[in-house]
Amino acid sequence: MEQREAGTAPGGPEGGKPETGERTHDEALVPGRQEEDQAAAPTPDVAANQEREGRKARELRKAAFLQKLREHRGVLLACEACEIGKTTVYEWRAEDERFKAAWDREVARTIELLEVSAYSRAIEGWDEPVFHQGEVVGTVKRFSNAMTIFMLKAKGPPEYRFEEHMMRESSLEHARAIREAVAAMRGTVPSQPPAA
């Protein structure tokens, strides 16, 4: 291999250029240079460590997101709190079953809390202040009829799901009445509408 002074390119000190670390096409073809380039590339152990560290950092970010999801009860707010994009967390959800299961547990917990709140508004009610001439003079207990109906429709027996039941029955009755009316008029109904 050719000997040269440090800081000069091949070709000798006279007229040689300082070395920048970048290789020209000709320099890449010099025997021995390829071995030096390969030595500078990360070894498999270094690459594996970098990959391991990347996975570790990603797992920490996933855990932070799940914690914020528990605190904020919504994906958008959790993402903002962690400074993680929504696309990223949905990609994690698609590729990681454990992460998806933890996410689903947090959503189920939120739904349970909503049910407790709905029950409280329907059954226990809340105290609403009563004002007279701008002053609070007492309270009155208020209840949410809408929450009561909602809870009965969601948790009660089938007869409380009356709208769905009535709509289905009503549709069947209407269809039956139309069929009977058409059958009764078959002989009198023209097959083509009259020309205008």
C-alpha atoms as a PDB file:
ATOM      1  CA  MET A   1       0.000   0.000   0.000  1.00  0.00           C
ATOM      2  CA  GLU A   2       1.259   3.470  -0.881  1.00  0.00           C
ATOM      3  CA  GLN A   3       2.705   5.577   1.964  1.00  0.00           C
ATOM      4  CA  ARG A   4       1.651   9.228   2.192  1.00  0.00           C
ATOM      5  CA  GLU A   5       1.751  12.083   4.635  1.00  0.00           C
ATOM      6  CA  ALA A   6      -1.209  12.692   6.880  1.00  0.00           C
ATOM      7  CA  GLY A   7      -3.547  15.339   5.563  1.00  0.00           C
ATOM      8  CA  THR A   8      -2.744  14.825   1.876  1.00  0.00           C
ATOM      9  CA  ALA A   9      -4.512  12.931  -0.822  1.00  0.00           C
ATOM     10  CA  PRO A  10      -2.888  10.214  -2.887  1.00  0.00           C
ATOM     11  CA  GLY A  11      -0.464  11.824  -5.218  1.00  0.00           C
ATOM     12  CA  GLY A  12       1.963  13.120  -2.630  1.00  0.00           C
ATOM     13  CA  PRO A  13       2.390  16.283  -0.652  1.00  0.00           C
ATOM     14  CA  GLU A  14       3.225  18.428  -3.647  1.00  0.00           C
ATOM     15  CA  GLY A  15      -0.041  19.614  -5.139  1.00  0.00           C
ATOM     16  CA  GLY A  16      -2.041  17.131  -3.081  1.00  0.00           C
ATOM     17  CA  LYS A  17      -5.361  18.182  -1.581  1.00  0.00           C
ATOM     18  CA  PRO A  18      -6.219  17.927   2.129  1.00  0.00           C
ATOM     19  CA  GLU A  19      -8.268  14.874   2.910  1.00  0.00           C
ATOM     20  CA  THR A  20     -11.943  15.584   3.779  1.00  0.00           C
ATOM     21  CA  GLY A  21     -13.053  12.101   4.616  1.00  0.00           C
ATOM     22  CA  GLU A  22     -15.060  11.815   1.382  1.00  0.00           C
ATOM     23  CA  ARG A  23     -13.819   9.435  -1.267  1.00  0.00           C
ATOM     24  CA  THR A  24     -13.700  10.122  -4.961  1.00  0.00           C
ATOM     25  CA  HIS A  25     -14.459   7.353  -7.383  1.00  0.00           C
ATOM     26  CA  ASP A  26     -10.745   6.801  -8.019  1.00  0.00           C
ATOM     27  CA  GLU A  27      -9.931   6.725  -4.305  1.00  0.00           C
ATOM     28  CA  ALA A  28     -12.615   4.113  -3.742  1.00  0.00           C
ATOM     29  CA  LEU A  29     -10.801   1.845  -6.168  1.00  0.00           C
ATOM     30  CA  VAL A  30      -7.446   2.100  -4.356  1.00  0.00           C
ATOM     31  CA  PRO A  31      -6.551  -1.260  -2.807  1.00  0.00           C
ATOM     32  CA  GLY A  32      -7.021  -1.240   0.949  1.00  0.00           C
ATOM     33  CA  ARG A  33      -9.549   1.619   0.950  1.00  0.00           C
ATOM     34  CA  GLN A  34     -12.546  -0.710   0.827  1.00  0.00           C
ATOM     35  CA  GLU A  35     -11.320  -2.508   3.941  1.00  0.00           C
ATOM     36  CA  GLU A  36     -11.002   0.843   5.753  1.00  0.00           C
ATOM     37  CA  ASP A  37     -14.559   1.794   4.719  1.00  0.00           C
ATOM     38  CA  GLN A  38     -15.902  -1.534   5.946  1.00  0.00           C
ATOM     39  CA  ALA A  39     -14.112  -1.090   9.264  1.00  0.00           C
ATOM     40  CA  ALA A  40     -15.874   2.290   9.716  1.00  0.00           C
ATOM     41  CA  ALA A  41     -19.342   0.711   9.214  1.00  0.00           C
ATOM     42  CA  PRO A  42     -21.145  -0.353  12.407  1.00  0.00           C
ATOM     43  CA  THR A  43     -20.495  -3.900  13.436  1.00  0.00           C
ATOM     44  CA  PRO A  44     -23.424  -6.267  13.805  1.00  0.00           C
ATOM     45  CA  ASP A  45     -23.159  -5.922  17.611  1.00  0.00           C
ATOM     46  CA  VAL A  46     -23.360  -2.126  17.411  1.00  0.00           C
ATOM     47  CA  ALA A  47     -26.299  -2.299  14.999  1.00  0.00           C
ATOM     48  CA  ALA A  48     -28.095  -4.774  17.258  1.00  0.00           C
ATOM     49  CA  ASN A  49     -27.527  -2.503  20.272  1.00  0.00           C
ATOM     50  CA  GLN A  50     -28.870   0.489  18.343  1.00  0.00           C
ATOM     51  CA  GLU A  51     -31.943  -1.484  17.316  1.00  0.00           C
ATOM     52  CA  ARG A  52     -32.450  -2.653  20.904  1.00  0.00           C
ATOM     53  CA  GLU A  53     -32.187   0.933  22.175  1.00  0.00           C
ATOM     54  CA  GLY A  54     -34.689   2.048  19.521  1.00  0.00           C
ATOM     55  CA  ARG A  55     -37.176  -0.629  20.616  1.00  0.00           C
ATOM     56  CA  LYS A  56     -36.670   0.325  24.250  1.00  0.00           C
ATOM     57  CA  ALA A  57     -37.357   4.010  23.500  1.00  0.00           C
ATOM     58  CA  ARG A  58     -40.468   3.063  21.494  1.00  0.00           C
ATOM     59  CA  GLU A  59     -41.766   0.911  24.367  1.00  0.00           C
ATOM     60  CA  LEU A  60     -41.282   3.832  26.767  1.00  0.00           C
ATOM     61  CA  ARG A  61     -43.215   6.099  24.402  1.00  0.00           C
ATOM     62  CA  LYS A  62     -46.015   3.522  24.167  1.00  0.00           C
ATOM     63  CA  ALA A  63     -46.221   3.332  27.969  1.00  0.00           C
ATOM     64  CA  ALA A  64     -46.328   7.137  28.193  1.00  0.00           C
ATOM     65  CA  PHE A  65     -49.168   7.238  25.654  1.00  0.00           C
ATOM     66  CA  LEU A  66     -51.185   4.617  27.570  1.00  0.00           C
ATOM     67  CA  GLN A  67     -50.719   6.588  30.811  1.00  0.00           C
ATOM     68  CA  LYS A  68     -51.926   9.791  29.125  1.00  0.00           C
ATOM     69  CA  LEU A  69     -54.836   7.894  27.551  1.00  0.00           C
ATOM     70  CA  ARG A  70     -55.870   6.867  31.062  1.00  0.00           C
ATOM     71  CA  GLU A  71     -55.581  10.455  32.317  1.00  0.00           C
ATOM     72  CA  HIS A  72     -57.140  12.281  29.369  1.00  0.00           C
ATOM     73  CA  ARG A  73     -59.652   9.646  28.161  1.00  0.00           C
ATOM     74  CA  GLY A  74     -59.121  10.470  24.497  1.00  0.00           C
ATOM     75  CA  VAL A  75     -56.556   9.579  21.836  1.00  0.00           C
ATOM     76  CA  LEU A  76     -56.094  13.135  20.556  1.00  0.00           C
ATOM     77  CA  LEU A  77     -55.431  14.598  24.012  1.00  0.00           C
ATOM     78  CA  ALA A  78     -53.122  11.715  24.951  1.00  0.00           C
ATOM     79  CA  CYS A  79     -51.142  12.187  21.729  1.00  0.00           C
ATOM     80  CA  GLU A  80     -50.824  15.923  22.336  1.00  0.00           C
ATOM     81  CA  ALA A  81     -49.698  15.370  25.927  1.00  0.00           C
ATOM     82  CA  CYS A  82     -46.983  12.926  24.757  1.00  0.00           C
ATOM     83  CA  GLU A  83     -46.122  14.833  21.591  1.00  0.00           C
ATOM     84  CA  ILE A  84     -46.736  11.704  19.522  1.00  0.00           C
ATOM     85  CA  GLY A  85     -48.651  11.757  16.234  1.00  0.00           C
ATOM     86  CA  LYS A  86     -51.994   9.981  15.966  1.00  0.00           C
ATOM     87  CA  THR A  87     -50.763   8.117  12.898  1.00  0.00           C
ATOM     88  CA  THR A  88     -47.877   6.725  14.952  1.00  0.00           C
ATOM     89  CA  VAL A  89     -50.070   5.370  17.758  1.00  0.00           C
ATOM     90  CA  TYR A  90     -52.511   3.818  15.298  1.00  0.00           C
ATOM     91  CA  GLU A  91     -49.567   2.135  13.519  1.00  0.00           C
ATOM     92  CA  TRP A  92     -48.373   0.805  16.881  1.00  0.00           C
ATOM     93  CA  ARG A  93     -51.904  -0.429  17.572  1.00  0.00           C
ATOM     94  CA  ALA A  94     -52.019  -2.290  14.238  1.00  0.00           C
ATOM     95  CA  GLU A  95     -48.647  -4.009  14.696  1.00  0.00           C
ATOM     96  CA  ASP A  96     -48.508  -4.697  18.464  1.00  0.00           C
ATOM     97  CA  GLU A  97     -51.194  -6.936  19.990  1.00  0.00           C
ATOM     98  CA  ARG A  98     -50.107  -6.203  23.596  1.00  0.00           C
ATOM     99  CA  PHE A  99     -50.311  -2.456  22.991  1.00  0.00           C
ATOM    100  CA  LYS A 100     -53.723  -2.877  21.328  1.00  0.00           C
ATOM    101  CA  ALA A 101     -55.005  -4.918  24.286  1.00  0.00           C
ATOM    102  CA  ALA A 102     -53.769  -2.296  26.790  1.00  0.00           C
ATOM    103  CA  TRP A 103     -55.397   0.455  24.721  1.00  0.00           C
ATOM    104  CA  ASP A 104     -58.687  -1.499  24.613  1.00  0.00           C
ATOM    105  CA  ARG A 105     -58.562  -1.937  28.408  1.00  0.00           C
ATOM    106  CA  GLU A 106     -58.265   1.846  28.831  1.00  0.00           C
ATOM    107  CA  VAL A 107     -61.208   2.434  26.481  1.00  0.00           C
ATOM    108  CA  ALA A 108     -63.293  -0.130  28.393  1.00  0.00           C
ATOM    109  CA  ARG A 109     -62.385   1.607  31.659  1.00  0.00           C
ATOM    110  CA  THR A 110     -63.505   4.946  30.216  1.00  0.00           C
ATOM    111  CA  ILE A 111     -66.826   3.425  29.155  1.00  0.00           C
ATOM    112  CA  GLU A 112     -67.328   2.076  32.673  1.00  0.00           C
ATOM    113  CA  LEU A 113     -66.697   5.540  34.108  1.00  0.00           C
ATOM    114  CA  LEU A 114     -69.209   7.016  31.670  1.00  0.00           C
ATOM    115  CA  GLU A 115     -71.775   4.436  32.777  1.00  0.00           C
ATOM    116  CA  VAL A 116     -71.192   5.364  36.416  1.00  0.00           C
ATOM    117  CA  SER A 117     -71.646   9.037  35.557  1.00  0.00           C
ATOM    118  CA  ALA A 118     -74.832   8.320  33.566  1.00  0.00           C
ATOM    119  CA  TYR A 119     -76.216   6.228  36.432  1.00  0.00           C
ATOM    120  CA  SER A 120     -75.434   9.005  38.891  1.00  0.00           C
ATOM    121  CA  ARG A 121     -77.210  11.634  36.778  1.00  0.00           C
ATOM    122  CA  ALA A 122     -80.221   9.345  36.271  1.00  0.00           C
ATOM    123  CA  ILE A 123     -80.651   7.956  39.799  1.00  0.00           C
ATOM    124  CA  GLU A 124     -78.798  10.138  42.282  1.00  0.00           C
ATOM    125  CA  GLY A 125     -79.282  13.428  40.468  1.00  0.00           C
ATOM    126  CA  TRP A 126     -77.460  16.663  41.292  1.00  0.00           C
ATOM    127  CA  ASP A 127     -78.138  19.787  43.283  1.00  0.00           C
ATOM    128  CA  GLU A 128     -78.906  22.784  41.115  1.00  0.00           C
ATOM    129  CA  PRO A 129     -78.739  26.210  42.761  1.00  0.00           C
ATOM    130  CA  VAL A 130     -81.912  28.322  42.991  1.00  0.00           C
ATOM    131  CA  PHE A 131     -81.417  32.068  42.562  1.00  0.00           C
ATOM    132  CA  HIS A 132     -83.563  34.957  43.748  1.00  0.00           C
ATOM    133  CA  GLN A 133     -82.517  38.491  42.870  1.00  0.00           C
ATOM    134  CA  GLY A 134     -79.029  37.277  41.964  1.00  0.00           C
ATOM    135  CA  GLU A 135     -78.473  35.428  45.241  1.00  0.00           C
ATOM    136  CA  VAL A 136     -78.424  31.671  45.809  1.00  0.00           C
ATOM    137  CA  VAL A 137     -81.372  30.969  48.119  1.00  0.00           C
ATOM    138  CA  GLY A 138     -81.342  27.174  48.003  1.00  0.00           C
ATOM    139  CA  THR A 139     -80.989  24.136  45.769  1.00  0.00           C
ATOM    140  CA  VAL A 140     -83.306  21.811  43.966  1.00  0.00           C
ATOM    141  CA  LYS A 141     -82.545  18.171  43.144  1.00  0.00           C
ATOM    142  CA  ARG A 142     -82.483  17.500  39.379  1.00  0.00           C
ATOM    143  CA  PHE A 143     -82.430  14.181  37.560  1.00  0.00           C
ATOM    144  CA  SER A 144     -81.715  13.369  33.931  1.00  0.00           C
ATOM    145  CA  ASN A 145     -84.688  11.673  32.314  1.00  0.00           C
ATOM    146  CA  ALA A 146     -82.629  11.185  29.170  1.00  0.00           C
ATOM    147  CA  MET A 147     -79.976   9.276  31.150  1.00  0.00           C
ATOM    148  CA  THR A 148     -82.677   7.125  32.786  1.00  0.00           C
ATOM    149  CA  ILE A 149     -84.093   6.194  29.377  1.00  0.00           C
ATOM    150  CA  PHE A 150     -80.627   5.605  27.980  1.00  0.00           C
ATOM    151  CA  MET A 151     -79.653   3.320  30.869  1.00  0.00           C
ATOM    152  CA  LEU A 152     -82.884   1.321  30.557  1.00  0.00           C
ATOM    153  CA  LYS A 153     -82.427   0.922  26.807  1.00  0.00           C
ATOM    154  CA  ALA A 154     -78.786  -0.116  27.217  1.00  0.00           C
ATOM    155  CA  LYS A 155     -79.031  -2.333  30.300  1.00  0.00           C
ATOM    156  CA  GLY A 156     -82.694  -3.217  30.711  1.00  0.00           C
ATOM    157  CA  PRO A 157     -84.699  -6.104  29.291  1.00  0.00           C
ATOM    158  CA  PRO A 158     -85.778  -6.055  25.613  1.00  0.00           C
ATOM    159  CA  GLU A 159     -89.130  -4.362  26.287  1.00  0.00           C
ATOM    160  CA  TYR A 160     -87.236  -1.182  27.213  1.00  0.00           C
ATOM    161  CA  ARG A 161     -85.750  -1.054  23.736  1.00  0.00           C
ATOM    162  CA  PHE A 162     -89.188   0.008  22.530  1.00  0.00           C
ATOM    163  CA  GLU A 163     -88.128   2.249  19.647  1.00  0.00           C
ATOM    164  CA  GLU A 164     -86.231  -0.508  17.887  1.00  0.00           C
ATOM    165  CA  HIS A 165     -89.026  -2.997  18.617  1.00  0.00           C
ATOM    166  CA  MET A 166     -91.768  -0.570  17.555  1.00  0.00           C
ATOM    167  CA  MET A 167     -89.927   0.403  14.373  1.00  0.00           C
ATOM    168  CA  ARG A 168     -89.507  -3.231  13.389  1.00  0.00           C
ATOM    169  CA  GLU A 169     -93.174  -3.993  14.125  1.00  0.00           C
ATOM    170  CA  SER A 170     -94.326  -0.828  12.376  1.00  0.00           C
ATOM    171  CA  SER A 171     -92.265  -1.617   9.273  1.00  0.00           C
ATOM    172  CA  LEU A 172     -93.683  -5.135   9.066  1.00  0.00           C
ATOM    173  CA  GLU A 173     -97.247  -3.843   9.478  1.00  0.00           C
ATOM    174  CA  HIS A 174     -96.737  -1.209   6.781  1.00  0.00           C
ATOM    175  CA  ALA A 175     -95.236  -3.730   4.382  1.00  0.00           C
ATOM    176  CA  ARG A 176     -98.154  -6.130   5.013  1.00  0.00           C
ATOM    177  CA  ALA A 177    -100.724  -3.355   4.451  1.00  0.00           C
ATOM    178  CA  ILE A 178     -99.073  -2.289   1.199  1.00  0.00           C
ATOM    179  CA  ARG A 179     -98.970  -5.876  -0.090  1.00  0.00           C
ATOM    180  CA  GLU A 180    -102.659  -6.354   0.765  1.00  0.00           C
ATOM    181  CA  ALA A 181    -103.632  -3.066  -0.899  1.00  0.00           C
ATOM    182  CA  VAL A 182    -101.691  -3.912  -4.057  1.00  0.00           C
ATOM    183  CA  ALA A 183    -103.221  -7.407  -4.159  1.00  0.00           C
ATOM    184  CA  ALA A 184    -106.737  -5.955  -3.806  1.00  0.00           C
ATOM    185  CA  MET A 185    -106.164  -3.490  -6.643  1.00  0.00           C
ATOM    186  CA  ARG A 186    -104.302  -5.776  -9.065  1.00  0.00           C
ATOM    187  CA  GLY A 187    -107.100  -5.807 -11.564  1.00  0.00           C
ATOM    188  CA  THR A 188    -107.763  -2.055 -11.401  1.00  0.00           C
ATOM    189  CA  VAL A 189    -104.230  -0.651 -11.291  1.00  0.00           C
ATOM    190  CA  PRO A 190    -102.826   0.135 -14.771  1.00  0.00           C
ATOM    191  CA  SER A 191     -99.443  -1.436 -15.482  1.00  0.00           C
ATOM    192  CA  GLN A 192     -98.219   1.854 -16.985  1.00  0.00           C
ATOM    193  CA  PRO A 193     -98.865   5.341 -15.590  1.00  0.00           C
ATOM    194  CA  PRO A 194    -101.152   7.453 -17.820  1.00  0.00           C
ATOM    195  CA  ALA A 195     -99.365   9.599 -20.409  1.00  0.00           C
ATOM    196  CA  ALA A 196     -99.319  13.291 -19.624  1.00  0.00           C
END
